[in-house]
Amino acid sequence: FPAGVLGIEVDAEAVAYATRHYGSPRVAFRQGDACRLDALDDRSRDLVVSFETIEHVADDEAMLRGFARLLDDAGVLVTSTPNDWPVETSPYHVRSYDPVGFERALRGWFDDVTLFAHVVP
């Protein structure tokens, strides 16, 4: 998928739904594993967005390595994770990050990291 928006999701039903409701000539959805993005070309993206994903995947390093590989020289990763969310409160979370741990994980693959916090009053 050379240009436009490409969504990757592991769940086939979610991909089908997104394709029906949001797909277009410039927006496509594919079933795939965020830790195995080898089918996509190196430096083929200028933006990767991954909200609330990293705490769900078995291999966070593989996911971040893949994101770094996909981004071109001026590329940007926009990502998020719950702040220190207890793993035992969700059967789908395999890890939890506090801000220091999240920044450390990101800095393993990206030189320029800025953290923002969403604070609910």
PDB file of N, CA and C in Angstrom:
ATOM      1  N   PHE A   1       0.861  -1.171   0.000  1.00  0.00           N
ATOM      2  CA  PHE A   1       0.000   0.000   0.000  1.00  0.00           C
ATOM      3  C   PHE A   1       0.900   1.224   0.000  1.00  0.00           C
ATOM      4  N   PRO A   2       1.198   1.782  -1.160  1.00  0.00           N
ATOM      5  CA  PRO A   2       2.224   2.811  -1.269  1.00  0.00           C
ATOM      6  C   PRO A   2       1.853   4.190  -0.722  1.00  0.00           C
ATOM      7  N   ALA A   3       0.613   4.598  -0.796  1.00  0.00           N
ATOM      8  CA  ALA A   3       0.249   5.951  -0.346  1.00  0.00           C
ATOM      9  C   ALA A   3      -1.087   5.908   0.377  1.00  0.00           C
ATOM     10  N   GLY A   4      -1.308   6.895   1.198  1.00  0.00           N
ATOM     11  CA  GLY A   4      -2.563   6.964   1.916  1.00  0.00           C
ATOM     12  C   GLY A   4      -2.447   6.379   3.305  1.00  0.00           C
ATOM     13  N   VAL A   5      -3.581   5.993   3.839  1.00  0.00           N
ATOM     14  CA  VAL A   5      -3.658   5.488   5.207  1.00  0.00           C
ATOM     15  C   VAL A   5      -3.795   3.971   5.173  1.00  0.00           C
ATOM     16  N   LEU A   6      -3.001   3.305   5.987  1.00  0.00           N
ATOM     17  CA  LEU A   6      -3.073   1.854   6.105  1.00  0.00           C
ATOM     18  C   LEU A   6      -3.256   1.504   7.563  1.00  0.00           C
ATOM     19  N   GLY A   7      -4.342   0.833   7.881  1.00  0.00           N
ATOM     20  CA  GLY A   7      -4.592   0.365   9.236  1.00  0.00           C
ATOM     21  C   GLY A   7      -4.259  -1.106   9.343  1.00  0.00           C
ATOM     22  N   ILE A   8      -3.548  -1.478  10.388  1.00  0.00           N
ATOM     23  CA  ILE A   8      -3.185  -2.875  10.643  1.00  0.00           C
ATOM     24  C   ILE A   8      -3.874  -3.298  11.931  1.00  0.00           C
ATOM     25  N   GLU A   9      -4.542  -4.446  11.881  1.00  0.00           N
ATOM     26  CA  GLU A   9      -5.276  -4.954  13.056  1.00  0.00           C
ATOM     27  C   GLU A   9      -5.198  -6.471  13.026  1.00  0.00           C
ATOM     28  N   VAL A  10      -5.006  -7.076  14.165  1.00  0.00           N
ATOM     29  CA  VAL A  10      -4.870  -8.523  14.250  1.00  0.00           C
ATOM     30  C   VAL A  10      -6.217  -9.241  14.082  1.00  0.00           C
ATOM     31  N   ASP A  11      -7.305  -8.609  14.442  1.00  0.00           N
ATOM     32  CA  ASP A  11      -8.626  -9.228  14.429  1.00  0.00           C
ATOM     33  C   ASP A  11      -9.306  -9.064  13.065  1.00  0.00           C
ATOM     34  N   ALA A  12      -9.589 -10.172  12.389  1.00  0.00           N
ATOM     35  CA  ALA A  12     -10.174 -10.145  11.051  1.00  0.00           C
ATOM     36  C   ALA A  12     -11.544  -9.462  11.032  1.00  0.00           C
ATOM     37  N   GLU A  13     -12.345  -9.682  12.051  1.00  0.00           N
ATOM     38  CA  GLU A  13     -13.671  -9.063  12.107  1.00  0.00           C
ATOM     39  C   GLU A  13     -13.564  -7.537  12.201  1.00  0.00           C
ATOM     40  N   ALA A  14     -12.620  -7.051  12.974  1.00  0.00           N
ATOM     41  CA  ALA A  14     -12.405  -5.601  13.082  1.00  0.00           C
ATOM     42  C   ALA A  14     -11.931  -5.018  11.750  1.00  0.00           C
ATOM     43  N   VAL A  15     -11.080  -5.749  11.037  1.00  0.00           N
ATOM     44  CA  VAL A  15     -10.604  -5.299   9.724  1.00  0.00           C
ATOM     45  C   VAL A  15     -11.773  -5.220   8.750  1.00  0.00           C
ATOM     46  N   ALA A  16     -12.628  -6.227   8.747  1.00  0.00           N
ATOM     47  CA  ALA A  16     -13.796  -6.229   7.849  1.00  0.00           C
ATOM     48  C   ALA A  16     -14.719  -5.052   8.163  1.00  0.00           C
ATOM     49  N   TYR A  17     -14.972  -4.810   9.436  1.00  0.00           N
ATOM     50  CA  TYR A  17     -15.831  -3.699   9.841  1.00  0.00           C
ATOM     51  C   TYR A  17     -15.227  -2.367   9.390  1.00  0.00           C
ATOM     52  N   ALA A  18     -13.949  -2.163   9.683  1.00  0.00           N
ATOM     53  CA  ALA A  18     -13.285  -0.909   9.311  1.00  0.00           C
ATOM     54  C   ALA A  18     -13.294  -0.710   7.802  1.00  0.00           C
ATOM     55  N   THR A  19     -13.067  -1.767   7.048  1.00  0.00           N
ATOM     56  CA  THR A  19     -13.074  -1.681   5.593  1.00  0.00           C
ATOM     57  C   THR A  19     -14.445  -1.265   5.084  1.00  0.00           C
ATOM     58  N   ARG A  20     -15.506  -1.885   5.612  1.00  0.00           N
ATOM     59  CA  ARG A  20     -16.881  -1.544   5.192  1.00  0.00           C
ATOM     60  C   ARG A  20     -17.235  -0.101   5.525  1.00  0.00           C
ATOM     61  N   HIS A  21     -16.867   0.357   6.690  1.00  0.00           N
ATOM     62  CA  HIS A  21     -17.318   1.659   7.169  1.00  0.00           C
ATOM     63  C   HIS A  21     -16.363   2.813   6.879  1.00  0.00           C
ATOM     64  N   TYR A  22     -15.082   2.528   6.724  1.00  0.00           N
ATOM     65  CA  TYR A  22     -14.104   3.610   6.600  1.00  0.00           C
ATOM     66  C   TYR A  22     -13.162   3.467   5.412  1.00  0.00           C
ATOM     67  N   GLY A  23     -13.227   2.348   4.725  1.00  0.00           N
ATOM     68  CA  GLY A  23     -12.329   2.124   3.596  1.00  0.00           C
ATOM     69  C   GLY A  23     -12.640   3.063   2.436  1.00  0.00           C
ATOM     70  N   SER A  24     -11.607   3.381   1.667  1.00  0.00           N
ATOM     71  CA  SER A  24     -11.749   4.224   0.480  1.00  0.00           C
ATOM     72  C   SER A  24     -10.525   3.964  -0.396  1.00  0.00           C
ATOM     73  N   PRO A  25     -10.451   4.599  -1.554  1.00  0.00           N
ATOM     74  CA  PRO A  25      -9.245   4.399  -2.380  1.00  0.00           C
ATOM     75  C   PRO A  25      -7.945   4.788  -1.672  1.00  0.00           C
ATOM     76  N   ARG A  26      -8.015   5.681  -0.678  1.00  0.00           N
ATOM     77  CA  ARG A  26      -6.802   6.108   0.012  1.00  0.00           C
ATOM     78  C   ARG A  26      -6.732   5.617   1.459  1.00  0.00           C
ATOM     79  N   VAL A  27      -7.706   4.802   1.867  1.00  0.00           N
ATOM     80  CA  VAL A  27      -7.723   4.261   3.232  1.00  0.00           C
ATOM     81  C   VAL A  27      -7.978   2.763   3.146  1.00  0.00           C
ATOM     82  N   ALA A  28      -7.010   1.975   3.614  1.00  0.00           N
ATOM     83  CA  ALA A  28      -7.130   0.519   3.550  1.00  0.00           C
ATOM     84  C   ALA A  28      -6.822  -0.078   4.918  1.00  0.00           C
ATOM     85  N   PHE A  29      -7.374  -1.256   5.151  1.00  0.00           N
ATOM     86  CA  PHE A  29      -7.159  -1.982   6.401  1.00  0.00           C
ATOM     87  C   PHE A  29      -6.713  -3.390   6.052  1.00  0.00           C
ATOM     88  N   ARG A  30      -5.721  -3.877   6.782  1.00  0.00           N
ATOM     89  CA  ARG A  30      -5.188  -5.215   6.550  1.00  0.00           C
ATOM     90  C   ARG A  30      -5.058  -5.938   7.886  1.00  0.00           C
ATOM     91  N   GLN A  31      -5.298  -7.244   7.827  1.00  0.00           N
ATOM     92  CA  GLN A  31      -5.081  -8.044   9.024  1.00  0.00           C
ATOM     93  C   GLN A  31      -3.582  -8.276   9.164  1.00  0.00           C
ATOM     94  N   GLY A  32      -3.085  -8.066  10.370  1.00  0.00           N
ATOM     95  CA  GLY A  32      -1.670  -8.270  10.590  1.00  0.00           C
ATOM     96  C   GLY A  32      -1.322  -8.112  12.056  1.00  0.00           C
ATOM     97  N   ASP A  33      -0.122  -8.486  12.370  1.00  0.00           N
ATOM     98  CA  ASP A  33       0.408  -8.443  13.724  1.00  0.00           C
ATOM     99  C   ASP A  33       1.366  -7.266  13.824  1.00  0.00           C
ATOM    100  N   ALA A  34       1.151  -6.374  14.763  1.00  0.00           N
ATOM    101  CA  ALA A  34       1.991  -5.188  14.923  1.00  0.00           C
ATOM    102  C   ALA A  34       3.443  -5.551  15.231  1.00  0.00           C
ATOM    103  N   CYS A  35       3.690  -6.763  15.656  1.00  0.00           N
ATOM    104  CA  CYS A  35       5.057  -7.207  15.935  1.00  0.00           C
ATOM    105  C   CYS A  35       5.726  -7.830  14.716  1.00  0.00           C
ATOM    106  N   ARG A  36       4.965  -7.988  13.637  1.00  0.00           N
ATOM    107  CA  ARG A  36       5.503  -8.614  12.420  1.00  0.00           C
ATOM    108  C   ARG A  36       5.055  -7.803  11.206  1.00  0.00           C
ATOM    109  N   LEU A  37       5.756  -6.724  10.956  1.00  0.00           N
ATOM    110  CA  LEU A  37       5.388  -5.815   9.874  1.00  0.00           C
ATOM    111  C   LEU A  37       6.305  -5.970   8.665  1.00  0.00           C
ATOM    112  N   ASP A  38       6.905  -7.145   8.521  1.00  0.00           N
ATOM    113  CA  ASP A  38       7.909  -7.387   7.491  1.00  0.00           C
ATOM    114  C   ASP A  38       7.395  -7.228   6.067  1.00  0.00           C
ATOM    115  N   ALA A  39       6.094  -7.354   5.843  1.00  0.00           N
ATOM    116  CA  ALA A  39       5.544  -7.226   4.495  1.00  0.00           C
ATOM    117  C   ALA A  39       5.558  -5.773   4.011  1.00  0.00           C
ATOM    118  N   LEU A  40       5.769  -4.832   4.930  1.00  0.00           N
ATOM    119  CA  LEU A  40       5.800  -3.415   4.553  1.00  0.00           C
ATOM    120  C   LEU A  40       7.245  -2.974   4.340  1.00  0.00           C
ATOM    121  N   ASP A  41       7.443  -2.121   3.360  1.00  0.00           N
ATOM    122  CA  ASP A  41       8.788  -1.683   2.985  1.00  0.00           C
ATOM    123  C   ASP A  41       9.424  -0.781   4.035  1.00  0.00           C
ATOM    124  N   ASP A  42      10.738  -0.879   4.147  1.00  0.00           N
ATOM    125  CA  ASP A  42      11.512   0.019   4.999  1.00  0.00           C
ATOM    126  C   ASP A  42      11.268   1.464   4.571  1.00  0.00           C
ATOM    127  N   ARG A  43      11.208   2.356   5.541  1.00  0.00           N
ATOM    128  CA  ARG A  43      11.097   3.796   5.297  1.00  0.00           C
ATOM    129  C   ARG A  43       9.939   4.149   4.363  1.00  0.00           C
ATOM    130  N   SER A  44       8.848   3.417   4.459  1.00  0.00           N
ATOM    131  CA  SER A  44       7.703   3.623   3.565  1.00  0.00           C
ATOM    132  C   SER A  44       6.598   4.469   4.177  1.00  0.00           C
ATOM    133  N   ARG A  45       6.775   4.923   5.416  1.00  0.00           N
ATOM    134  CA  ARG A  45       5.735   5.686   6.115  1.00  0.00           C
ATOM    135  C   ARG A  45       6.302   6.976   6.667  1.00  0.00           C
ATOM    136  N   ASP A  46       5.492   8.024   6.642  1.00  0.00           N
ATOM    137  CA  ASP A  46       5.914   9.269   7.283  1.00  0.00           C
ATOM    138  C   ASP A  46       5.251   9.433   8.644  1.00  0.00           C
ATOM    139  N   LEU A  47       4.272   8.596   8.947  1.00  0.00           N
ATOM    140  CA  LEU A  47       3.586   8.645  10.228  1.00  0.00           C
ATOM    141  C   LEU A  47       3.107   7.253  10.611  1.00  0.00           C
ATOM    142  N   VAL A  48       3.370   6.862  11.835  1.00  0.00           N
ATOM    143  CA  VAL A  48       2.823   5.630  12.404  1.00  0.00           C
ATOM    144  C   VAL A  48       2.080   6.047  13.668  1.00  0.00           C
ATOM    145  N   VAL A  49       0.830   5.610  13.772  1.00  0.00           N
ATOM    146  CA  VAL A  49       0.001   5.904  14.944  1.00  0.00           C
ATOM    147  C   VAL A  49      -0.376   4.583  15.586  1.00  0.00           C
ATOM    148  N   SER A  50      -0.141   4.485  16.875  1.00  0.00           N
ATOM    149  CA  SER A  50      -0.459   3.260  17.606  1.00  0.00           C
ATOM    150  C   SER A  50      -0.932   3.641  19.007  1.00  0.00           C
ATOM    151  N   PHE A  51      -2.226   3.715  19.164  1.00  0.00           N
ATOM    152  CA  PHE A  51      -2.796   4.069  20.461  1.00  0.00           C
ATOM    153  C   PHE A  51      -3.171   2.817  21.243  1.00  0.00           C
ATOM    154  N   GLU A  52      -2.685   2.753  22.475  1.00  0.00           N
ATOM    155  CA  GLU A  52      -3.082   1.705  23.406  1.00  0.00           C
ATOM    156  C   GLU A  52      -2.871   0.305  22.810  1.00  0.00           C
ATOM    157  N   THR A  53      -1.699   0.091  22.231  1.00  0.00           N
ATOM    158  CA  THR A  53      -1.349  -1.202  21.632  1.00  0.00           C
ATOM    159  C   THR A  53      -0.215  -1.890  22.373  1.00  0.00           C
ATOM    160  N   ILE A  54       0.806  -1.137  22.727  1.00  0.00           N
ATOM    161  CA  ILE A  54       2.057  -1.709  23.222  1.00  0.00           C
ATOM    162  C   ILE A  54       1.871  -2.569  24.468  1.00  0.00           C
ATOM    163  N   GLU A  55       0.892  -2.240  25.286  1.00  0.00           N
ATOM    164  CA  GLU A  55       0.671  -3.019  26.503  1.00  0.00           C
ATOM    165  C   GLU A  55      -0.014  -4.357  26.218  1.00  0.00           C
ATOM    166  N   HIS A  56      -0.464  -4.559  24.978  1.00  0.00           N
ATOM    167  CA  HIS A  56      -1.168  -5.785  24.594  1.00  0.00           C
ATOM    168  C   HIS A  56      -0.288  -6.811  23.894  1.00  0.00           C
ATOM    169  N   VAL A  57       0.824  -6.376  23.309  1.00  0.00           N
ATOM    170  CA  VAL A  57       1.610  -7.278  22.467  1.00  0.00           C
ATOM    171  C   VAL A  57       2.661  -8.030  23.280  1.00  0.00           C
ATOM    172  N   ALA A  58       2.931  -9.243  22.850  1.00  0.00           N
ATOM    173  CA  ALA A  58       3.899 -10.083  23.559  1.00  0.00           C
ATOM    174  C   ALA A  58       5.316  -9.549  23.431  1.00  0.00           C
ATOM    175  N   ASP A  59       5.636  -8.940  22.283  1.00  0.00           N
ATOM    176  CA  ASP A  59       7.009  -8.502  22.024  1.00  0.00           C
ATOM    177  C   ASP A  59       7.026  -7.008  21.707  1.00  0.00           C
ATOM    178  N   ASP A  60       7.043  -6.187  22.739  1.00  0.00           N
ATOM    179  CA  ASP A  60       7.025  -4.731  22.546  1.00  0.00           C
ATOM    180  C   ASP A  60       8.250  -4.254  21.775  1.00  0.00           C
ATOM    181  N   GLU A  61       9.396  -4.880  21.976  1.00  0.00           N
ATOM    182  CA  GLU A  61      10.610  -4.500  21.251  1.00  0.00           C
ATOM    183  C   GLU A  61      10.448  -4.736  19.753  1.00  0.00           C
ATOM    184  N   ALA A  62       9.846  -5.853  19.366  1.00  0.00           N
ATOM    185  CA  ALA A  62       9.634  -6.139  17.941  1.00  0.00           C
ATOM    186  C   ALA A  62       8.698  -5.118  17.320  1.00  0.00           C
ATOM    187  N   MET A  63       7.673  -4.723  18.052  1.00  0.00           N
ATOM    188  CA  MET A  63       6.738  -3.739  17.532  1.00  0.00           C
ATOM    189  C   MET A  63       7.437  -2.400  17.323  1.00  0.00           C
ATOM    190  N   LEU A  64       8.182  -1.930  18.320  1.00  0.00           N
ATOM    191  CA  LEU A  64       8.871  -0.649  18.191  1.00  0.00           C
ATOM    192  C   LEU A  64       9.954  -0.705  17.113  1.00  0.00           C
ATOM    193  N   ARG A  65      10.662  -1.810  17.024  1.00  0.00           N
ATOM    194  CA  ARG A  65      11.672  -1.978  15.980  1.00  0.00           C
ATOM    195  C   ARG A  65      11.014  -1.879  14.598  1.00  0.00           C
ATOM    196  N   GLY A  66       9.853  -2.514  14.441  1.00  0.00           N
ATOM    197  CA  GLY A  66       9.128  -2.443  13.174  1.00  0.00           C
ATOM    198  C   GLY A  66       8.674  -1.033  12.849  1.00  0.00           C
ATOM    199  N   PHE A  67       8.165  -0.323  13.838  1.00  0.00           N
ATOM    200  CA  PHE A  67       7.752   1.065  13.617  1.00  0.00           C
ATOM    201  C   PHE A  67       8.947   1.909  13.174  1.00  0.00           C
ATOM    202  N   ALA A  68      10.073   1.759  13.854  1.00  0.00           N
ATOM    203  CA  ALA A  68      11.274   2.531  13.508  1.00  0.00           C
ATOM    204  C   ALA A  68      11.730   2.209  12.086  1.00  0.00           C
ATOM    205  N   ARG A  69      11.655   0.957  11.690  1.00  0.00           N
ATOM    206  CA  ARG A  69      12.060   0.542  10.343  1.00  0.00           C
ATOM    207  C   ARG A  69      11.148   1.135   9.277  1.00  0.00           C
ATOM    208  N   LEU A  70       9.858   1.227   9.576  1.00  0.00           N
ATOM    209  CA  LEU A  70       8.894   1.731   8.596  1.00  0.00           C
ATOM    210  C   LEU A  70       8.996   3.233   8.353  1.00  0.00           C
ATOM    211  N   LEU A  71       9.413   3.983   9.367  1.00  0.00           N
ATOM    212  CA  LEU A  71       9.403   5.439   9.257  1.00  0.00           C
ATOM    213  C   LEU A  71      10.543   5.970   8.400  1.00  0.00           C
ATOM    214  N   ASP A  72      10.209   6.945   7.541  1.00  0.00           N
ATOM    215  CA  ASP A  72      11.256   7.602   6.763  1.00  0.00           C
ATOM    216  C   ASP A  72      12.043   8.550   7.669  1.00  0.00           C
ATOM    217  N   ASP A  73      13.031   9.223   7.116  1.00  0.00           N
ATOM    218  CA  ASP A  73      13.938  10.045   7.927  1.00  0.00           C
ATOM    219  C   ASP A  73      13.229  11.127   8.738  1.00  0.00           C
ATOM    220  N   ALA A  74      12.149  11.676   8.218  1.00  0.00           N
ATOM    221  CA  ALA A  74      11.406  12.722   8.937  1.00  0.00           C
ATOM    222  C   ALA A  74      10.155  12.151   9.601  1.00  0.00           C
ATOM    223  N   GLY A  75      10.057  10.836   9.635  1.00  0.00           N
ATOM    224  CA  GLY A  75       8.857  10.187  10.143  1.00  0.00           C
ATOM    225  C   GLY A  75       8.619  10.401  11.626  1.00  0.00           C
ATOM    226  N   VAL A  76       7.347  10.266  12.001  1.00  0.00           N
ATOM    227  CA  VAL A  76       6.914  10.502  13.375  1.00  0.00           C
ATOM    228  C   VAL A  76       6.089   9.307  13.856  1.00  0.00           C
ATOM    229  N   LEU A  77       6.375   8.872  15.062  1.00  0.00           N
ATOM    230  CA  LEU A  77       5.547   7.878  15.740  1.00  0.00           C
ATOM    231  C   LEU A  77       4.716   8.609  16.788  1.00  0.00           C
ATOM    232  N   VAL A  78       3.401   8.404  16.740  1.00  0.00           N
ATOM    233  CA  VAL A  78       2.499   8.910  17.770  1.00  0.00           C
ATOM    234  C   VAL A  78       1.916   7.680  18.443  1.00  0.00           C
ATOM    235  N   THR A  79       2.220   7.514  19.710  1.00  0.00           N
ATOM    236  CA  THR A  79       1.797   6.309  20.414  1.00  0.00           C
ATOM    237  C   THR A  79       1.368   6.645  21.832  1.00  0.00           C
ATOM    238  N   SER A  80       0.617   5.749  22.420  1.00  0.00           N
ATOM    239  CA  SER A  80       0.178   5.963  23.799  1.00  0.00           C
ATOM    240  C   SER A  80       0.047   4.627  24.510  1.00  0.00           C
ATOM    241  N   THR A  81      -0.009   4.731  25.823  1.00  0.00           N
ATOM    242  CA  THR A  81      -0.256   3.576  26.677  1.00  0.00           C
ATOM    243  C   THR A  81      -0.891   4.083  27.961  1.00  0.00           C
ATOM    244  N   PRO A  82      -1.717   3.282  28.601  1.00  0.00           N
ATOM    245  CA  PRO A  82      -2.225   3.724  29.900  1.00  0.00           C
ATOM    246  C   PRO A  82      -1.066   3.908  30.872  1.00  0.00           C
ATOM    247  N   ASN A  83      -1.158   4.893  31.722  1.00  0.00           N
ATOM    248  CA  ASN A  83      -0.098   5.194  32.671  1.00  0.00           C
ATOM    249  C   ASN A  83      -0.183   4.276  33.882  1.00  0.00           C
ATOM    250  N   ASP A  84       0.742   3.317  33.923  1.00  0.00           N
ATOM    251  CA  ASP A  84       0.870   2.420  35.073  1.00  0.00           C
ATOM    252  C   ASP A  84      -0.434   1.702  35.420  1.00  0.00           C
ATOM    253  N   TRP A  85      -1.151   1.277  34.380  1.00  0.00           N
ATOM    254  CA  TRP A  85      -2.408   0.549  34.534  1.00  0.00           C
ATOM    255  C   TRP A  85      -2.098  -0.856  35.051  1.00  0.00           C
ATOM    256  N   PRO A  86      -2.667  -1.277  36.161  1.00  0.00           N
ATOM    257  CA  PRO A  86      -2.349  -2.610  36.693  1.00  0.00           C
ATOM    258  C   PRO A  86      -2.717  -3.723  35.703  1.00  0.00           C
ATOM    259  N   VAL A  87      -1.768  -4.581  35.399  1.00  0.00           N
ATOM    260  CA  VAL A  87      -1.972  -5.659  34.432  1.00  0.00           C
ATOM    261  C   VAL A  87      -3.153  -6.538  34.826  1.00  0.00           C
ATOM    262  N   GLU A  88      -3.314  -6.781  36.114  1.00  0.00           N
ATOM    263  CA  GLU A  88      -4.370  -7.693  36.560  1.00  0.00           C
ATOM    264  C   GLU A  88      -5.786  -7.145  36.336  1.00  0.00           C
ATOM    265  N   THR A  89      -5.928  -5.868  35.976  1.00  0.00           N
ATOM    266  CA  THR A  89      -7.266  -5.322  35.747  1.00  0.00           C
ATOM    267  C   THR A  89      -7.761  -5.568  34.327  1.00  0.00           C
ATOM    268  N   SER A  90      -6.899  -6.050  33.450  1.00  0.00           N
ATOM    269  CA  SER A  90      -7.308  -6.340  32.077  1.00  0.00           C
ATOM    270  C   SER A  90      -6.727  -7.679  31.643  1.00  0.00           C
ATOM    271  N   PRO A  91      -7.571  -8.577  31.180  1.00  0.00           N
ATOM    272  CA  PRO A  91      -7.044  -9.865  30.715  1.00  0.00           C
ATOM    273  C   PRO A  91      -6.252  -9.744  29.412  1.00  0.00           C
ATOM    274  N   TYR A  92      -6.273  -8.575  28.784  1.00  0.00           N
ATOM    275  CA  TYR A  92      -5.604  -8.381  27.501  1.00  0.00           C
ATOM    276  C   TYR A  92      -4.265  -7.659  27.616  1.00  0.00           C
ATOM    277  N   HIS A  93      -3.964  -7.122  28.777  1.00  0.00           N
ATOM    278  CA  HIS A  93      -2.678  -6.436  28.961  1.00  0.00           C
ATOM    279  C   HIS A  93      -1.621  -7.436  29.425  1.00  0.00           C
ATOM    280  N   VAL A  94      -0.469  -7.389  28.765  1.00  0.00           N
ATOM    281  CA  VAL A  94       0.637  -8.276  29.157  1.00  0.00           C
ATOM    282  C   VAL A  94       1.719  -7.536  29.924  1.00  0.00           C
ATOM    283  N   ARG A  95       1.631  -6.196  29.948  1.00  0.00           N
ATOM    284  CA  ARG A  95       2.584  -5.391  30.705  1.00  0.00           C
ATOM    285  C   ARG A  95       1.969  -4.044  30.973  1.00  0.00           C
ATOM    286  N   SER A  96       2.636  -3.306  31.854  1.00  0.00           N
ATOM    287  CA  SER A  96       2.220  -1.960  32.203  1.00  0.00           C
ATOM    288  C   SER A  96       3.451  -1.058  32.179  1.00  0.00           C
ATOM    289  N   TYR A  97       3.265   0.170  31.770  1.00  0.00           N
ATOM    290  CA  TYR A  97       4.352   1.143  31.745  1.00  0.00           C
ATOM    291  C   TYR A  97       4.026   2.308  32.667  1.00  0.00           C
ATOM    292  N   ASP A  98       5.030   2.758  33.405  1.00  0.00           N
ATOM    293  CA  ASP A  98       4.951   4.076  34.017  1.00  0.00           C
ATOM    294  C   ASP A  98       5.655   5.006  33.023  1.00  0.00           C
ATOM    295  N   PRO A  99       5.584   6.324  33.214  1.00  0.00           N
ATOM    296  CA  PRO A  99       6.206   7.228  32.236  1.00  0.00           C
ATOM    297  C   PRO A  99       7.687   6.970  32.000  1.00  0.00           C
ATOM    298  N   VAL A 100       8.441   6.659  33.030  1.00  0.00           N
ATOM    299  CA  VAL A 100       9.879   6.410  32.880  1.00  0.00           C
ATOM    300  C   VAL A 100      10.114   5.159  32.035  1.00  0.00           C
ATOM    301  N   GLY A 101       9.383   4.098  32.303  1.00  0.00           N
ATOM    302  CA  GLY A 101       9.541   2.866  31.538  1.00  0.00           C
ATOM    303  C   GLY A 101       9.111   3.015  30.091  1.00  0.00           C
ATOM    304  N   PHE A 102       8.044   3.769  29.856  1.00  0.00           N
ATOM    305  CA  PHE A 102       7.566   3.998  28.494  1.00  0.00           C
ATOM    306  C   PHE A 102       8.606   4.798  27.706  1.00  0.00           C
ATOM    307  N   GLU A 103       9.131   5.841  28.330  1.00  0.00           N
ATOM    308  CA  GLU A 103      10.155   6.641  27.655  1.00  0.00           C
ATOM    309  C   GLU A 103      11.397   5.801  27.367  1.00  0.00           C
ATOM    310  N   ARG A 104      11.796   4.979  28.305  1.00  0.00           N
ATOM    311  CA  ARG A 104      12.969   4.114  28.119  1.00  0.00           C
ATOM    312  C   ARG A 104      12.747   3.172  26.923  1.00  0.00           C
ATOM    313  N   ALA A 105      11.563   2.573  26.837  1.00  0.00           N
ATOM    314  CA  ALA A 105      11.264   1.671  25.716  1.00  0.00           C
ATOM    315  C   ALA A 105      11.331   2.414  24.384  1.00  0.00           C
ATOM    316  N   LEU A 106      10.777   3.614  24.338  1.00  0.00           N
ATOM    317  CA  LEU A 106      10.781   4.394  23.099  1.00  0.00           C
ATOM    318  C   LEU A 106      12.186   4.840  22.717  1.00  0.00           C
ATOM    319  N   ARG A 107      12.966   5.258  23.695  1.00  0.00           N
ATOM    320  CA  ARG A 107      14.327   5.735  23.418  1.00  0.00           C
ATOM    321  C   ARG A 107      15.240   4.609  22.926  1.00  0.00           C
ATOM    322  N   GLY A 108      14.843   3.376  23.122  1.00  0.00           N
ATOM    323  CA  GLY A 108      15.602   2.270  22.563  1.00  0.00           C
ATOM    324  C   GLY A 108      15.587   2.271  21.037  1.00  0.00           C
ATOM    325  N   TRP A 109      14.605   2.963  20.438  1.00  0.00           N
ATOM    326  CA  TRP A 109      14.450   2.955  18.982  1.00  0.00           C
ATOM    327  C   TRP A 109      14.363   4.342  18.361  1.00  0.00           C
ATOM    328  N   PHE A 110      14.090   5.354  19.177  1.00  0.00           N
ATOM    329  CA  PHE A 110      13.885   6.704  18.658  1.00  0.00           C
ATOM    330  C   PHE A 110      14.732   7.697  19.446  1.00  0.00           C
ATOM    331  N   ASP A 111      15.415   8.579  18.733  1.00  0.00           N
ATOM    332  CA  ASP A 111      16.285   9.569  19.383  1.00  0.00           C
ATOM    333  C   ASP A 111      15.500  10.716  20.004  1.00  0.00           C
ATOM    334  N   ASP A 112      14.469  11.152  19.330  1.00  0.00           N
ATOM    335  CA  ASP A 112      13.702  12.323  19.761  1.00  0.00           C
ATOM    336  C   ASP A 112      12.365  11.856  20.333  1.00  0.00           C
ATOM    337  N   VAL A 113      12.245  11.875  21.648  1.00  0.00           N
ATOM    338  CA  VAL A 113      11.037  11.390  22.328  1.00  0.00           C
ATOM    339  C   VAL A 113      10.497  12.508  23.215  1.00  0.00           C
ATOM    340  N   THR A 114       9.218  12.794  23.059  1.00  0.00           N
ATOM    341  CA  THR A 114       8.536  13.754  23.912  1.00  0.00           C
ATOM    342  C   THR A 114       7.301  13.070  24.473  1.00  0.00           C
ATOM    343  N   LEU A 115       7.168  13.071  25.783  1.00  0.00           N
ATOM    344  CA  LEU A 115       5.998  12.483  26.422  1.00  0.00           C
ATOM    345  C   LEU A 115       5.005  13.575  26.789  1.00  0.00           C
ATOM    346  N   PHE A 116       3.737  13.275  26.574  1.00  0.00           N
ATOM    347  CA  PHE A 116       2.644  14.144  26.995  1.00  0.00           C
ATOM    348  C   PHE A 116       1.751  13.336  27.904  1.00  0.00           C
ATOM    349  N   ALA A 117       1.068  14.007  28.791  1.00  0.00           N
ATOM    350  CA  ALA A 117       0.150  13.319  29.710  1.00  0.00           C
ATOM    351  C   ALA A 117      -1.254  13.850  29.512  1.00  0.00           C
ATOM    352  N   HIS A 118      -2.197  12.946  29.554  1.00  0.00           N
ATOM    353  CA  HIS A 118      -3.599  13.312  29.528  1.00  0.00           C
ATOM    354  C   HIS A 118      -4.093  13.153  30.965  1.00  0.00           C
ATOM    355  N   VAL A 119      -4.404  14.252  31.569  1.00  0.00           N
ATOM    356  CA  VAL A 119      -4.818  14.234  32.955  1.00  0.00           C
ATOM    357  C   VAL A 119      -6.311  14.483  33.028  1.00  0.00           C
ATOM    358  N   VAL A 120      -7.003  13.568  33.662  1.00  0.00           N
ATOM    359  CA  VAL A 120      -8.452  13.711  33.837  1.00  0.00           C
ATOM    360  C   VAL A 120      -8.696  14.347  35.200  1.00  0.00           C
ATOM    361  N   PRO A 121      -9.402  15.484  35.209  1.00  0.00           N
ATOM    362  CA  PRO A 121      -9.639  16.160  36.495  1.00  0.00           C
ATOM    363  C   PRO A 121     -10.533  15.347  37.427  1.00  0.00           C
TER     364      PRO A 121
END
